Amino acid sequence: MGSFSIWHWLIVLLVVVLVFGTKKLRNMGSDLGSAVKGFKDGLSEGQKSKDNATSINMPDERINQPSETINVSAREKSKS
């Protein structure tokens, strides 16, 4: 009683086709497909911009390495 048989679904499909017509259903299907494609493209574009922002904000490893040159004269002046 809770589940519908294949015949119930075929009758529902027939009523939908009669109400909307095949051309309108085809247009709705193509519109839905293009909307899904646009959504997926937006997600991938957002992921790319997120990756680019992360790579821009991440400091270069060479910047964090200590310098091998030490200014001795500056160290001596500060002790005086």
C-alpha atoms as a PDB file:
ATOM      1  CA  MET A   1       0.000   0.000   0.000  1.00  0.00           C
ATOM      2  CA  GLY A   2       2.900   2.394   0.747  1.00  0.00           C
ATOM      3  CA  SER A   3       4.791   1.838  -2.497  1.00  0.00           C
ATOM      4  CA  PHE A   4       3.610   2.560  -5.997  1.00  0.00           C
ATOM      5  CA  SER A   5       3.757  -0.018  -8.741  1.00  0.00           C
ATOM      6  CA  ILE A   6       5.069   0.600 -12.246  1.00  0.00           C
ATOM      7  CA  TRP A   7       1.512   1.139 -13.456  1.00  0.00           C
ATOM      8  CA  HIS A   8       0.978   4.030 -11.064  1.00  0.00           C
ATOM      9  CA  TRP A   9       4.144   5.733 -12.319  1.00  0.00           C
ATOM     10  CA  LEU A  10       3.168   5.182 -15.977  1.00  0.00           C
ATOM     11  CA  ILE A  11      -0.227   6.790 -15.378  1.00  0.00           C
ATOM     12  CA  VAL A  12       1.434   9.767 -13.642  1.00  0.00           C
ATOM     13  CA  LEU A  13       3.871  10.110 -16.559  1.00  0.00           C
ATOM     14  CA  LEU A  14       1.010   9.985 -19.076  1.00  0.00           C
ATOM     15  CA  VAL A  15      -0.893  12.709 -17.205  1.00  0.00           C
ATOM     16  CA  VAL A  16       2.224  14.913 -17.038  1.00  0.00           C
ATOM     17  CA  VAL A  17       2.840  14.484 -20.788  1.00  0.00           C
ATOM     18  CA  LEU A  18      -0.783  15.305 -21.548  1.00  0.00           C
ATOM     19  CA  VAL A  19      -0.747  18.415 -19.354  1.00  0.00           C
ATOM     20  CA  PHE A  20       2.609  19.887 -20.387  1.00  0.00           C
ATOM     21  CA  GLY A  21       3.215  18.373 -23.829  1.00  0.00           C
ATOM     22  CA  THR A  22       6.419  16.785 -25.073  1.00  0.00           C
ATOM     23  CA  LYS A  23       7.959  20.015 -26.405  1.00  0.00           C
ATOM     24  CA  LYS A  24       7.566  21.810 -23.077  1.00  0.00           C
ATOM     25  CA  LEU A  25       9.008  18.806 -21.203  1.00  0.00           C
ATOM     26  CA  ARG A  26      11.975  18.663 -23.591  1.00  0.00           C
ATOM     27  CA  ASN A  27      12.659  22.379 -23.048  1.00  0.00           C
ATOM     28  CA  MET A  28      12.404  21.946 -19.288  1.00  0.00           C
ATOM     29  CA  GLY A  29      14.846  19.025 -19.458  1.00  0.00           C
ATOM     30  CA  SER A  30      17.413  20.988 -21.455  1.00  0.00           C
ATOM     31  CA  ASP A  31      17.021  23.993 -19.133  1.00  0.00           C
ATOM     32  CA  LEU A  32      17.543  21.755 -16.125  1.00  0.00           C
ATOM     33  CA  GLY A  33      20.634  20.181 -17.740  1.00  0.00           C
ATOM     34  CA  SER A  34      22.181  23.569 -18.520  1.00  0.00           C
ATOM     35  CA  ALA A  35      21.448  24.748 -14.972  1.00  0.00           C
ATOM     36  CA  VAL A  36      23.206  21.701 -13.512  1.00  0.00           C
ATOM     37  CA  LYS A  37      26.169  22.244 -15.847  1.00  0.00           C
ATOM     38  CA  GLY A  38      26.386  25.910 -14.839  1.00  0.00           C
ATOM     39  CA  PHE A  39      26.255  24.926 -11.176  1.00  0.00           C
ATOM     40  CA  LYS A  40      29.104  22.434 -11.621  1.00  0.00           C
ATOM     41  CA  ASP A  41      31.167  25.009 -13.548  1.00  0.00           C
ATOM     42  CA  GLY A  42      30.584  27.535 -10.763  1.00  0.00           C
ATOM     43  CA  LEU A  43      31.740  25.047  -8.153  1.00  0.00           C
ATOM     44  CA  SER A  44      34.898  24.202 -10.089  1.00  0.00           C
ATOM     45  CA  GLU A  45      35.601  27.908 -10.693  1.00  0.00           C
ATOM     46  CA  GLY A  46      35.140  28.625  -6.999  1.00  0.00           C
ATOM     47  CA  GLN A  47      37.524  25.807  -6.132  1.00  0.00           C
ATOM     48  CA  LYS A  48      40.111  27.166  -8.592  1.00  0.00           C
ATOM     49  CA  SER A  49      39.872  30.683  -7.144  1.00  0.00           C
ATOM     50  CA  LYS A  50      40.144  29.233  -3.633  1.00  0.00           C
ATOM     51  CA  ASP A  51      43.274  27.324  -4.640  1.00  0.00           C
ATOM     52  CA  ASN A  52      44.742  30.448  -6.245  1.00  0.00           C
ATOM     53  CA  ALA A  53      44.010  32.529  -3.145  1.00  0.00           C
ATOM     54  CA  THR A  54      45.620  29.889  -0.962  1.00  0.00           C
ATOM     55  CA  SER A  55      48.730  29.766  -3.116  1.00  0.00           C
ATOM     56  CA  ILE A  56      48.999  33.563  -3.103  1.00  0.00           C
ATOM     57  CA  ASN A  57      48.572  33.810   0.679  1.00  0.00           C
ATOM     58  CA  MET A  58      50.995  30.966   1.435  1.00  0.00           C
ATOM     59  CA  PRO A  59      54.470  32.397   2.063  1.00  0.00           C
ATOM     60  CA  ASP A  60      57.343  31.182  -0.010  1.00  0.00           C
ATOM     61  CA  GLU A  61      59.576  28.702   1.829  1.00  0.00           C
ATOM     62  CA  ARG A  62      62.676  30.683   0.896  1.00  0.00           C
ATOM     63  CA  ILE A  63      61.381  33.743   2.739  1.00  0.00           C
ATOM     64  CA  ASN A  64      61.170  31.880   6.061  1.00  0.00           C
ATOM     65  CA  GLN A  65      64.719  30.523   5.879  1.00  0.00           C
ATOM     66  CA  PRO A  66      67.201  32.432   8.022  1.00  0.00           C
ATOM     67  CA  SER A  67      69.743  34.576   6.312  1.00  0.00           C
ATOM     68  CA  GLU A  68      73.350  33.398   6.460  1.00  0.00           C
ATOM     69  CA  THR A  69      74.727  36.946   6.562  1.00  0.00           C
ATOM     70  CA  ILE A  70      75.001  38.656   9.958  1.00  0.00           C
ATOM     71  CA  ASN A  71      75.699  42.363  10.295  1.00  0.00           C
ATOM     72  CA  VAL A  72      78.343  42.396  13.036  1.00  0.00           C
ATOM     73  CA  SER A  73      78.717  46.182  13.190  1.00  0.00           C
ATOM     74  CA  ALA A  74      75.037  46.610  14.027  1.00  0.00           C
ATOM     75  CA  ARG A  75      75.321  44.086  16.832  1.00  0.00           C
ATOM     76  CA  GLU A  76      78.375  45.889  18.324  1.00  0.00           C
ATOM     77  CA  LYS A  77      76.684  49.312  18.209  1.00  0.00           C
ATOM     78  CA  SER A  78      73.624  48.082  20.016  1.00  0.00           C
ATOM     79  CA  LYS A  79      75.728  46.750  22.954  1.00  0.00           C
ATOM     80  CA  SER A  80      77.462  50.085  23.560  1.00  0.00           C
END
